């Protein structure tokens, strides 16, 4: 299972960038386990880690400012990508990263907030990744999907018997995600 170690330099940059972006970001999901600053830093760590995994200079990829929505978190051979990073409780973490979890179980799906759906047209692919909530030391890629596939096969909902969300969202099945190895191998050719 691939993972990217988080070092102090990445943490320092994530903290600095989250402070720069703080007044320009709207959080789409409410969580009780992290402050807004911790959430922002975790998101940046996910972006930096994904770039590192794909062989992209993550520092050179940092935006100059956050006055407007981004046009993607980076570029790869599949086009413009956006990284969605979440934290998963240790109880579910190994099952999710090894894809040994049913789509109908808690944490069996990845979420894209309904308010972010219009932004999908800016991206060619979405890359999903996660940290173990109790130990933010390694980022794990969960997989990826083309945005065209997402918009064709998924509809916004408010959840089901297993997954509830305060705001409407796309519920992306973990079983639908393509292997990150497919993407990483293309980038290294």
N, C-alpha and C. Protein backbone atom coordinates (compact mmCIF):
# COMPACT_ATOMS: atom_id res chain seq x y z
N UNK A 1 0.84 -1.16 0.00
CA UNK A 1 0.00 0.00 0.00
C UNK A 1 0.90 1.24 0.00
N UNK A 2 0.73 2.07 -1.02
CA UNK A 2 1.52 3.29 -1.13
C UNK A 2 1.09 4.30 -0.08
N UNK A 3 2.03 5.06 0.39
CA UNK A 3 1.72 6.18 1.29
C UNK A 3 2.83 7.21 1.15
N UNK A 4 2.53 8.41 1.57
CA UNK A 4 3.51 9.49 1.55
C UNK A 4 3.70 9.96 2.99
N UNK A 5 4.95 9.93 3.44
CA UNK A 5 5.27 10.41 4.78
C UNK A 5 5.19 11.93 4.83
N UNK A 6 4.63 12.44 5.89
CA UNK A 6 4.53 13.88 6.10
C UNK A 6 5.74 14.33 6.91
N UNK A 7 6.52 15.25 6.35
CA UNK A 7 7.69 15.74 7.09
C UNK A 7 7.41 17.15 7.63
N UNK A 8 8.36 17.66 8.40
CA UNK A 8 8.18 18.97 9.04
C UNK A 8 8.07 20.11 8.03
N UNK A 9 8.80 20.00 6.93
CA UNK A 9 8.71 21.05 5.91
C UNK A 9 7.30 21.12 5.34
N UNK A 10 6.71 19.97 5.06
CA UNK A 10 5.33 19.95 4.55
C UNK A 10 4.37 20.54 5.58
N UNK A 11 4.56 20.20 6.85
CA UNK A 11 3.69 20.74 7.91
C UNK A 11 3.82 22.26 8.02
N UNK A 12 5.05 22.76 7.93
CA UNK A 12 5.29 24.19 8.02
C UNK A 12 4.58 24.92 6.88
N UNK A 13 4.72 24.42 5.66
CA UNK A 13 4.07 25.02 4.51
C UNK A 13 2.55 24.90 4.61
N UNK A 14 2.05 23.77 5.08
CA UNK A 14 0.60 23.59 5.22
C UNK A 14 0.03 24.60 6.21
N UNK A 15 0.72 24.83 7.30
CA UNK A 15 0.27 25.81 8.29
C UNK A 15 0.27 27.22 7.68
N UNK A 16 1.35 27.58 7.01
CA UNK A 16 1.45 28.91 6.40
C UNK A 16 0.37 29.12 5.34
N UNK A 17 0.16 28.13 4.49
CA UNK A 17 -0.84 28.27 3.42
C UNK A 17 -2.25 28.31 3.99
N UNK A 18 -2.52 27.55 5.04
CA UNK A 18 -3.87 27.58 5.62
C UNK A 18 -4.14 28.94 6.26
N UNK A 19 -3.12 29.58 6.81
CA UNK A 19 -3.29 30.92 7.37
C UNK A 19 -3.55 31.94 6.27
N UNK A 20 -2.87 31.79 5.12
CA UNK A 20 -3.10 32.70 3.99
C UNK A 20 -4.50 32.53 3.41
N UNK A 21 -4.98 31.29 3.38
CA UNK A 21 -6.27 30.98 2.74
C UNK A 21 -7.45 31.16 3.69
N UNK A 22 -7.20 31.22 4.99
CA UNK A 22 -8.25 31.20 6.01
C UNK A 22 -9.46 32.09 5.71
N UNK A 23 -9.23 33.34 5.35
CA UNK A 23 -10.35 34.26 5.13
C UNK A 23 -11.04 34.05 3.79
N UNK A 24 -10.49 33.18 2.94
CA UNK A 24 -11.05 32.99 1.60
C UNK A 24 -11.70 31.62 1.41
N UNK A 25 -11.79 30.82 2.47
CA UNK A 25 -12.31 29.46 2.31
C UNK A 25 -13.67 29.31 2.98
N UNK A 26 -14.51 28.52 2.33
CA UNK A 26 -15.80 28.17 2.89
C UNK A 26 -15.79 26.66 3.13
N UNK A 27 -15.96 26.27 4.37
CA UNK A 27 -15.99 24.84 4.69
C UNK A 27 -17.37 24.28 4.35
N UNK A 28 -17.37 23.16 3.62
CA UNK A 28 -18.63 22.59 3.17
C UNK A 28 -19.17 21.51 4.09
N UNK A 29 -18.32 20.89 4.87
CA UNK A 29 -18.74 19.89 5.83
C UNK A 29 -18.34 20.35 7.23
N UNK A 30 -19.20 20.15 8.18
CA UNK A 30 -18.87 20.46 9.57
C UNK A 30 -18.32 19.22 10.24
N UNK A 31 -17.24 19.38 10.99
CA UNK A 31 -16.67 18.27 11.75
C UNK A 31 -16.38 18.74 13.16
N UNK A 32 -16.43 17.81 14.09
CA UNK A 32 -16.16 18.15 15.49
C UNK A 32 -14.76 17.72 15.92
N UNK A 33 -14.11 16.90 15.13
CA UNK A 33 -12.82 16.33 15.54
C UNK A 33 -11.62 17.21 15.19
N UNK A 34 -11.80 18.27 14.40
CA UNK A 34 -10.71 19.17 14.05
C UNK A 34 -11.20 20.61 14.04
N UNK A 35 -10.29 21.52 14.35
CA UNK A 35 -10.58 22.95 14.19
C UNK A 35 -10.52 23.28 12.70
N UNK A 36 -11.00 24.46 12.32
CA UNK A 36 -10.91 24.88 10.92
C UNK A 36 -9.46 24.91 10.45
N UNK A 37 -8.55 25.39 11.30
CA UNK A 37 -7.14 25.45 10.93
C UNK A 37 -6.58 24.04 10.69
N UNK A 38 -6.92 23.10 11.55
CA UNK A 38 -6.45 21.72 11.38
C UNK A 38 -7.00 21.11 10.10
N UNK A 39 -8.26 21.39 9.80
CA UNK A 39 -8.87 20.90 8.56
C UNK A 39 -8.14 21.45 7.33
N UNK A 40 -7.88 22.77 7.38
CA UNK A 40 -7.18 23.41 6.25
C UNK A 40 -5.79 22.82 6.07
N UNK A 41 -5.07 22.65 7.17
CA UNK A 41 -3.72 22.09 7.10
C UNK A 41 -3.75 20.66 6.56
N UNK A 42 -4.72 19.88 6.99
CA UNK A 42 -4.84 18.50 6.51
C UNK A 42 -5.10 18.50 5.00
N UNK A 43 -5.93 19.41 4.53
CA UNK A 43 -6.19 19.51 3.09
C UNK A 43 -4.94 19.83 2.31
N UNK A 44 -4.16 20.79 2.81
CA UNK A 44 -2.90 21.12 2.13
C UNK A 44 -1.93 19.95 2.17
N UNK A 45 -1.85 19.27 3.29
CA UNK A 45 -0.96 18.09 3.37
C UNK A 45 -1.37 17.04 2.35
N UNK A 46 -2.66 16.88 2.13
CA UNK A 46 -3.13 15.94 1.11
C UNK A 46 -2.71 16.37 -0.29
N UNK A 47 -2.87 17.66 -0.60
CA UNK A 47 -2.45 18.17 -1.90
C UNK A 47 -0.94 17.99 -2.11
N UNK A 48 -0.16 18.39 -1.10
CA UNK A 48 1.29 18.26 -1.21
C UNK A 48 1.69 16.80 -1.41
N UNK A 49 1.07 15.92 -0.65
CA UNK A 49 1.39 14.48 -0.73
C UNK A 49 1.04 13.91 -2.09
N UNK A 50 -0.11 14.30 -2.61
CA UNK A 50 -0.52 13.80 -3.92
C UNK A 50 0.48 14.25 -4.99
N UNK A 51 0.88 15.52 -4.92
CA UNK A 51 1.88 16.02 -5.88
C UNK A 51 3.16 15.21 -5.77
N UNK A 52 3.60 14.98 -4.55
CA UNK A 52 4.83 14.20 -4.33
C UNK A 52 4.69 12.80 -4.92
N UNK A 53 3.55 12.17 -4.71
CA UNK A 53 3.29 10.84 -5.25
C UNK A 53 3.38 10.82 -6.77
N UNK A 54 2.89 11.89 -7.40
CA UNK A 54 2.86 11.97 -8.87
C UNK A 54 4.15 12.54 -9.47
N UNK A 55 5.13 12.84 -8.61
CA UNK A 55 6.40 13.37 -9.10
C UNK A 55 6.36 14.84 -9.45
N UNK A 56 5.41 15.57 -8.86
CA UNK A 56 5.25 17.00 -9.09
C UNK A 56 5.90 17.75 -7.92
N UNK A 57 6.63 18.81 -8.22
CA UNK A 57 7.23 19.63 -7.17
C UNK A 57 6.11 20.33 -6.40
N UNK A 58 5.80 19.84 -5.22
CA UNK A 58 4.65 20.36 -4.47
C UNK A 58 4.83 21.82 -4.06
N UNK A 59 6.07 22.24 -3.77
CA UNK A 59 6.29 23.64 -3.38
C UNK A 59 6.05 24.57 -4.57
N UNK A 60 6.50 24.17 -5.75
CA UNK A 60 6.30 24.99 -6.94
C UNK A 60 4.81 25.02 -7.34
N UNK A 61 4.06 24.06 -6.86
CA UNK A 61 2.64 23.94 -7.20
C UNK A 61 1.74 24.80 -6.30
N UNK A 62 2.29 25.42 -5.27
CA UNK A 62 1.50 26.23 -4.34
C UNK A 62 1.05 27.52 -5.03
N UNK A 63 -0.20 27.87 -4.85
CA UNK A 63 -0.77 29.08 -5.45
C UNK A 63 -0.19 30.34 -4.82
N UNK A 64 -0.19 31.42 -5.60
CA UNK A 64 0.28 32.72 -5.10
C UNK A 64 -0.71 33.31 -4.10
N UNK A 65 -2.01 33.13 -4.37
CA UNK A 65 -3.02 33.69 -3.46
C UNK A 65 -4.29 32.83 -3.54
N UNK A 66 -5.24 33.15 -2.67
CA UNK A 66 -6.48 32.37 -2.57
C UNK A 66 -7.71 33.27 -2.69
N UNK A 67 -7.58 34.31 -3.50
CA UNK A 67 -8.67 35.27 -3.66
C UNK A 67 -9.85 34.67 -4.43
N UNK A 68 -9.59 33.66 -5.25
CA UNK A 68 -10.65 33.01 -6.02
C UNK A 68 -10.53 31.49 -5.86
N UNK A 69 -11.56 30.77 -6.30
CA UNK A 69 -11.49 29.31 -6.31
C UNK A 69 -10.36 28.87 -7.23
N UNK A 70 -9.77 27.76 -6.89
CA UNK A 70 -8.66 27.27 -7.73
C UNK A 70 -9.18 26.67 -9.03
N UNK A 71 -8.26 26.41 -9.92
CA UNK A 71 -8.58 25.75 -11.18
C UNK A 71 -7.99 24.36 -11.18
N UNK A 72 -7.83 23.78 -10.01
CA UNK A 72 -7.27 22.45 -9.86
C UNK A 72 -6.09 22.48 -8.92
N UNK A 73 -5.80 21.32 -8.37
CA UNK A 73 -4.67 21.20 -7.45
C UNK A 73 -3.38 20.84 -8.17
N UNK A 74 -3.47 20.53 -9.45
CA UNK A 74 -2.29 20.22 -10.24
C UNK A 74 -2.66 19.66 -11.60
N UNK A 75 -1.62 19.36 -12.39
CA UNK A 75 -1.79 18.80 -13.73
C UNK A 75 -1.00 17.51 -13.82
N UNK A 76 -1.60 16.51 -14.45
CA UNK A 76 -0.91 15.26 -14.72
C UNK A 76 -1.30 14.83 -16.13
N UNK A 77 -0.88 13.67 -16.55
CA UNK A 77 -1.17 13.22 -17.92
C UNK A 77 -2.67 13.06 -18.18
N UNK A 78 -3.46 12.85 -17.13
CA UNK A 78 -4.91 12.73 -17.29
C UNK A 78 -5.60 14.08 -17.26
N UNK A 79 -4.83 15.16 -17.09
CA UNK A 79 -5.39 16.50 -17.09
C UNK A 79 -5.30 17.16 -15.74
N UNK A 80 -6.23 18.06 -15.49
CA UNK A 80 -6.27 18.81 -14.23
C UNK A 80 -6.89 17.93 -13.16
N UNK A 81 -6.23 17.88 -11.99
CA UNK A 81 -6.78 17.07 -10.90
C UNK A 81 -7.11 17.93 -9.69
N UNK A 82 -8.07 17.43 -8.92
CA UNK A 82 -8.42 18.01 -7.64
C UNK A 82 -8.26 16.91 -6.61
N UNK A 83 -7.70 17.24 -5.46
CA UNK A 83 -7.45 16.25 -4.41
C UNK A 83 -8.49 16.44 -3.30
N UNK A 84 -9.14 15.35 -2.94
CA UNK A 84 -10.09 15.34 -1.82
C UNK A 84 -9.47 14.48 -0.72
N UNK A 85 -9.12 15.11 0.39
CA UNK A 85 -8.49 14.41 1.50
C UNK A 85 -9.41 14.41 2.70
N UNK A 86 -9.53 13.27 3.33
CA UNK A 86 -10.34 13.14 4.53
C UNK A 86 -9.53 12.45 5.62
N UNK A 87 -10.04 12.49 6.82
CA UNK A 87 -9.45 11.72 7.91
C UNK A 87 -10.46 10.63 8.27
N UNK A 88 -9.93 9.45 8.52
CA UNK A 88 -10.78 8.29 8.81
C UNK A 88 -10.36 7.72 10.15
N UNK A 89 -11.32 7.46 11.04
CA UNK A 89 -10.97 6.88 12.34
C UNK A 89 -10.23 5.55 12.16
N UNK A 90 -9.30 5.33 13.05
CA UNK A 90 -8.47 4.11 13.00
C UNK A 90 -9.31 2.84 12.89
N UNK A 91 -10.45 2.84 13.53
CA UNK A 91 -11.35 1.67 13.52
C UNK A 91 -11.71 1.23 12.09
N UNK A 92 -11.81 2.20 11.17
CA UNK A 92 -12.21 1.91 9.78
C UNK A 92 -11.07 2.04 8.79
N UNK A 93 -9.99 2.66 9.21
CA UNK A 93 -8.95 3.10 8.28
C UNK A 93 -8.37 1.98 7.42
N UNK A 94 -7.89 0.92 8.01
CA UNK A 94 -7.26 -0.16 7.23
C UNK A 94 -8.24 -0.79 6.25
N UNK A 95 -9.49 -0.92 6.65
CA UNK A 95 -10.50 -1.49 5.75
C UNK A 95 -10.71 -0.60 4.52
N UNK A 96 -10.66 0.73 4.74
CA UNK A 96 -10.87 1.65 3.62
C UNK A 96 -9.67 1.65 2.69
N UNK A 97 -8.46 1.81 3.23
CA UNK A 97 -7.29 1.91 2.36
C UNK A 97 -7.00 0.61 1.63
N UNK A 98 -7.41 -0.51 2.20
CA UNK A 98 -7.20 -1.80 1.52
C UNK A 98 -8.41 -2.19 0.67
N UNK A 99 -9.41 -1.32 0.64
CA UNK A 99 -10.67 -1.55 -0.10
C UNK A 99 -11.35 -2.84 0.35
N UNK A 100 -11.24 -3.13 1.63
CA UNK A 100 -11.91 -4.29 2.22
C UNK A 100 -13.20 -3.87 2.92
N UNK A 101 -13.71 -2.71 2.55
CA UNK A 101 -14.93 -2.19 3.16
C UNK A 101 -16.03 -2.16 2.12
N UNK A 102 -17.22 -2.51 2.53
CA UNK A 102 -18.37 -2.45 1.65
C UNK A 102 -18.78 -1.00 1.45
N UNK A 103 -19.27 -0.68 0.27
CA UNK A 103 -19.75 0.67 -0.01
C UNK A 103 -20.88 1.07 0.93
N UNK A 104 -21.59 0.10 1.46
CA UNK A 104 -22.73 0.37 2.33
C UNK A 104 -22.37 0.47 3.81
N UNK A 105 -21.10 0.32 4.15
CA UNK A 105 -20.68 0.46 5.54
C UNK A 105 -20.28 1.90 5.82
N UNK A 106 -20.21 2.24 7.13
CA UNK A 106 -19.67 3.55 7.49
C UNK A 106 -18.29 3.69 6.87
N UNK A 107 -18.02 4.83 6.32
CA UNK A 107 -16.75 5.15 5.64
C UNK A 107 -16.54 4.33 4.38
N UNK A 108 -17.59 3.73 3.86
CA UNK A 108 -17.49 2.97 2.62
C UNK A 108 -17.56 3.82 1.37
N UNK A 109 -17.85 5.10 1.54
CA UNK A 109 -17.94 6.02 0.40
C UNK A 109 -17.13 7.27 0.66
N UNK A 110 -16.74 7.91 -0.42
CA UNK A 110 -16.07 9.20 -0.36
C UNK A 110 -17.12 10.26 -0.69
N UNK A 111 -17.04 11.42 -0.11
CA UNK A 111 -18.06 12.44 -0.29
C UNK A 111 -17.53 13.66 -1.02
N UNK A 112 -18.38 14.20 -1.91
CA UNK A 112 -18.12 15.51 -2.52
C UNK A 112 -19.35 16.34 -2.22
N UNK A 113 -19.17 17.43 -1.50
CA UNK A 113 -20.27 18.29 -1.09
C UNK A 113 -21.02 18.79 -2.32
N UNK A 114 -22.35 18.87 -2.21
CA UNK A 114 -23.19 19.32 -3.31
C UNK A 114 -22.81 20.70 -3.83
N UNK A 115 -22.36 21.59 -2.93
CA UNK A 115 -21.94 22.93 -3.35
C UNK A 115 -20.68 22.90 -4.20
N UNK A 116 -19.91 21.83 -4.12
CA UNK A 116 -18.69 21.71 -4.91
C UNK A 116 -18.93 21.06 -6.27
N UNK A 117 -20.10 20.49 -6.48
CA UNK A 117 -20.39 19.79 -7.74
C UNK A 117 -20.23 20.69 -8.96
N UNK A 118 -20.69 21.95 -8.94
CA UNK A 118 -20.48 22.80 -10.12
C UNK A 118 -19.00 23.02 -10.45
N UNK A 119 -18.13 22.91 -9.45
CA UNK A 119 -16.70 23.09 -9.68
C UNK A 119 -16.08 21.90 -10.41
N UNK A 120 -16.74 20.76 -10.42
CA UNK A 120 -16.17 19.57 -11.05
C UNK A 120 -15.84 19.79 -12.52
N UNK A 121 -16.55 20.68 -13.18
CA UNK A 121 -16.29 20.94 -14.61
C UNK A 121 -14.90 21.53 -14.85
N UNK A 122 -14.27 22.07 -13.80
CA UNK A 122 -12.93 22.63 -13.92
C UNK A 122 -11.85 21.54 -13.94
N UNK A 123 -12.20 20.34 -13.51
CA UNK A 123 -11.22 19.27 -13.31
C UNK A 123 -11.48 18.10 -14.25
N UNK A 124 -10.42 17.39 -14.56
CA UNK A 124 -10.55 16.17 -15.36
C UNK A 124 -10.67 14.93 -14.49
N UNK A 125 -9.96 14.94 -13.37
CA UNK A 125 -10.04 13.80 -12.45
C UNK A 125 -10.06 14.30 -11.00
N UNK A 126 -10.63 13.45 -10.13
CA UNK A 126 -10.61 13.70 -8.70
C UNK A 126 -9.80 12.57 -8.08
N UNK A 127 -8.83 12.95 -7.26
CA UNK A 127 -8.00 11.98 -6.55
C UNK A 127 -8.41 12.02 -5.08
N UNK A 128 -8.75 10.86 -4.55
CA UNK A 128 -9.19 10.75 -3.16
C UNK A 128 -8.06 10.18 -2.31
N UNK A 129 -7.85 10.79 -1.15
CA UNK A 129 -6.82 10.32 -0.23
C UNK A 129 -7.28 10.48 1.20
N UNK A 130 -6.52 9.87 2.11
CA UNK A 130 -6.92 9.92 3.52
C UNK A 130 -5.73 9.83 4.46
N UNK A 131 -5.97 10.33 5.66
CA UNK A 131 -5.08 10.15 6.79
C UNK A 131 -5.84 9.34 7.83
N UNK A 132 -5.11 8.57 8.60
CA UNK A 132 -5.69 7.97 9.79
C UNK A 132 -5.89 9.11 10.78
N UNK A 133 -7.10 9.31 11.24
CA UNK A 133 -7.43 10.47 12.06
C UNK A 133 -6.56 10.60 13.31
N UNK A 134 -6.19 9.49 13.89
CA UNK A 134 -5.42 9.52 15.13
C UNK A 134 -3.92 9.71 14.91
N UNK A 135 -3.47 9.71 13.64
CA UNK A 135 -2.05 9.82 13.36
C UNK A 135 -1.84 10.42 11.96
N UNK A 136 -1.75 11.73 11.89
CA UNK A 136 -1.61 12.43 10.60
C UNK A 136 -0.14 12.45 10.20
N UNK A 137 0.44 11.28 10.00
CA UNK A 137 1.85 11.22 9.64
C UNK A 137 2.08 10.65 8.24
N UNK A 138 1.05 10.00 7.68
CA UNK A 138 1.15 9.45 6.33
C UNK A 138 -0.16 9.67 5.60
N UNK A 139 -0.05 10.10 4.35
CA UNK A 139 -1.20 10.27 3.49
C UNK A 139 -1.30 9.04 2.59
N UNK A 140 -2.49 8.49 2.48
CA UNK A 140 -2.72 7.30 1.67
C UNK A 140 -3.66 7.64 0.52
N UNK A 141 -3.24 7.37 -0.72
CA UNK A 141 -4.15 7.56 -1.85
C UNK A 141 -5.18 6.43 -1.86
N UNK A 142 -6.46 6.79 -1.99
CA UNK A 142 -7.52 5.79 -2.01
C UNK A 142 -7.91 5.39 -3.42
N UNK A 143 -7.65 6.28 -4.38
CA UNK A 143 -7.99 6.01 -5.78
C UNK A 143 -8.43 7.29 -6.46
N UNK A 144 -8.90 7.15 -7.67
CA UNK A 144 -9.29 8.32 -8.45
C UNK A 144 -10.38 7.96 -9.44
N UNK A 145 -11.06 8.98 -9.93
CA UNK A 145 -12.09 8.83 -10.96
C UNK A 145 -12.09 10.06 -11.86
N UNK A 146 -12.49 9.84 -13.10
CA UNK A 146 -12.68 10.96 -14.02
C UNK A 146 -13.93 11.72 -13.58
N UNK A 147 -13.89 13.04 -13.69
CA UNK A 147 -15.06 13.83 -13.31
C UNK A 147 -16.23 13.54 -14.24
N UNK A 148 -15.96 13.21 -15.50
CA UNK A 148 -17.04 12.87 -16.43
C UNK A 148 -17.79 11.63 -15.93
N UNK A 149 -17.07 10.66 -15.38
CA UNK A 149 -17.71 9.46 -14.83
C UNK A 149 -18.54 9.83 -13.60
N UNK A 150 -17.99 10.67 -12.75
CA UNK A 150 -18.69 11.08 -11.53
C UNK A 150 -20.00 11.79 -11.88
N UNK A 151 -19.94 12.75 -12.78
CA UNK A 151 -21.15 13.52 -13.10
C UNK A 151 -22.17 12.68 -13.86
N UNK A 152 -21.73 11.65 -14.55
CA UNK A 152 -22.67 10.78 -15.28
C UNK A 152 -23.33 9.76 -14.36
N UNK A 153 -22.59 9.23 -13.39
CA UNK A 153 -23.07 8.09 -12.59
C UNK A 153 -23.54 8.43 -11.18
N UNK A 154 -23.33 9.65 -10.73
CA UNK A 154 -23.69 10.00 -9.36
C UNK A 154 -24.62 11.21 -9.32
N UNK A 155 -25.53 11.19 -8.36
CA UNK A 155 -26.45 12.28 -8.13
C UNK A 155 -26.34 12.74 -6.68
N UNK A 156 -26.60 13.98 -6.47
CA UNK A 156 -26.54 14.55 -5.12
C UNK A 156 -27.66 13.94 -4.27
N UNK A 157 -27.29 13.54 -3.06
CA UNK A 157 -28.28 13.02 -2.12
C UNK A 157 -27.94 13.49 -0.71
N UNK A 158 -28.87 13.24 0.20
CA UNK A 158 -28.64 13.60 1.60
C UNK A 158 -28.24 12.39 2.43
N UNK A 159 -27.95 11.29 1.76
CA UNK A 159 -27.49 10.11 2.49
C UNK A 159 -28.45 8.95 2.33
N UNK A 160 -28.23 7.94 3.14
CA UNK A 160 -29.04 6.73 3.15
C UNK A 160 -29.02 6.17 4.56
N UNK A 161 -29.36 4.92 4.73
CA UNK A 161 -29.40 4.33 6.07
C UNK A 161 -28.03 4.29 6.75
N UNK A 162 -26.96 4.27 5.96
CA UNK A 162 -25.61 4.16 6.51
C UNK A 162 -24.86 5.48 6.53
N UNK A 163 -25.19 6.37 5.62
CA UNK A 163 -24.43 7.60 5.45
C UNK A 163 -25.37 8.80 5.51
N UNK A 164 -25.20 9.62 6.49
CA UNK A 164 -26.00 10.84 6.61
C UNK A 164 -25.06 12.04 6.54
N UNK A 165 -25.53 13.07 5.91
CA UNK A 165 -24.77 14.30 5.86
C UNK A 165 -25.73 15.46 6.08
N UNK A 166 -25.27 16.50 6.71
CA UNK A 166 -26.10 17.66 6.98
C UNK A 166 -26.43 18.37 5.67
N UNK A 167 -25.47 18.40 4.77
CA UNK A 167 -25.69 19.04 3.48
C UNK A 167 -25.69 17.97 2.38
N UNK A 168 -26.42 18.20 1.31
CA UNK A 168 -26.43 17.24 0.20
C UNK A 168 -25.04 17.06 -0.40
N UNK A 169 -24.76 15.85 -0.85
CA UNK A 169 -23.43 15.52 -1.38
C UNK A 169 -23.52 14.37 -2.37
N UNK A 170 -22.45 14.22 -3.14
CA UNK A 170 -22.27 13.02 -3.97
C UNK A 170 -21.63 11.96 -3.09
N UNK A 171 -22.16 10.78 -3.12
CA UNK A 171 -21.64 9.66 -2.32
C UNK A 171 -20.91 8.73 -3.30
N UNK A 172 -19.59 8.83 -3.38
CA UNK A 172 -18.78 8.09 -4.34
C UNK A 172 -18.39 6.73 -3.73
N UNK A 173 -18.78 5.67 -4.38
CA UNK A 173 -18.47 4.32 -3.89
C UNK A 173 -16.96 4.07 -3.93
N UNK A 174 -16.43 3.60 -2.84
CA UNK A 174 -15.00 3.27 -2.80
C UNK A 174 -14.69 2.19 -3.83
N UNK A 175 -15.62 1.29 -4.07
CA UNK A 175 -15.39 0.21 -5.03
C UNK A 175 -15.28 0.73 -6.47
N UNK A 176 -15.78 1.91 -6.75
CA UNK A 176 -15.67 2.50 -8.09
C UNK A 176 -14.32 3.15 -8.35
N UNK A 177 -13.57 3.44 -7.30
CA UNK A 177 -12.32 4.16 -7.47
C UNK A 177 -11.30 3.34 -8.25
N UNK A 178 -10.62 4.00 -9.16
CA UNK A 178 -9.54 3.36 -9.92
C UNK A 178 -8.28 3.34 -9.07
N UNK A 179 -7.46 2.35 -9.30
CA UNK A 179 -6.23 2.20 -8.53
C UNK A 179 -5.29 3.37 -8.79
N UNK A 180 -4.70 3.87 -7.73
CA UNK A 180 -3.73 4.96 -7.86
C UNK A 180 -2.52 4.50 -8.67
N UNK A 181 -2.23 3.20 -8.65
CA UNK A 181 -1.10 2.67 -9.42
C UNK A 181 -1.25 2.96 -10.91
N UNK A 182 -2.48 2.93 -11.42
CA UNK A 182 -2.71 3.25 -12.83
C UNK A 182 -2.23 4.66 -13.14
N UNK A 183 -2.53 5.58 -12.26
CA UNK A 183 -2.15 6.97 -12.46
C UNK A 183 -0.65 7.18 -12.24
N UNK A 184 -0.13 6.63 -11.19
CA UNK A 184 1.30 6.79 -10.87
C UNK A 184 2.16 6.18 -11.98
N UNK A 185 1.79 5.02 -12.48
CA UNK A 185 2.56 4.38 -13.55
C UNK A 185 2.54 5.19 -14.83
N UNK A 186 1.43 5.83 -15.15
CA UNK A 186 1.34 6.69 -16.34
C UNK A 186 2.28 7.88 -16.18
N UNK A 187 2.32 8.46 -14.99
CA UNK A 187 3.16 9.64 -14.74
C UNK A 187 4.64 9.32 -14.82
N UNK A 188 5.02 8.10 -14.55
CA UNK A 188 6.44 7.74 -14.51
C UNK A 188 6.95 7.25 -15.86
N UNK A 189 6.09 7.15 -16.84
CA UNK A 189 6.53 6.67 -18.17
C UNK A 189 7.27 7.77 -18.90
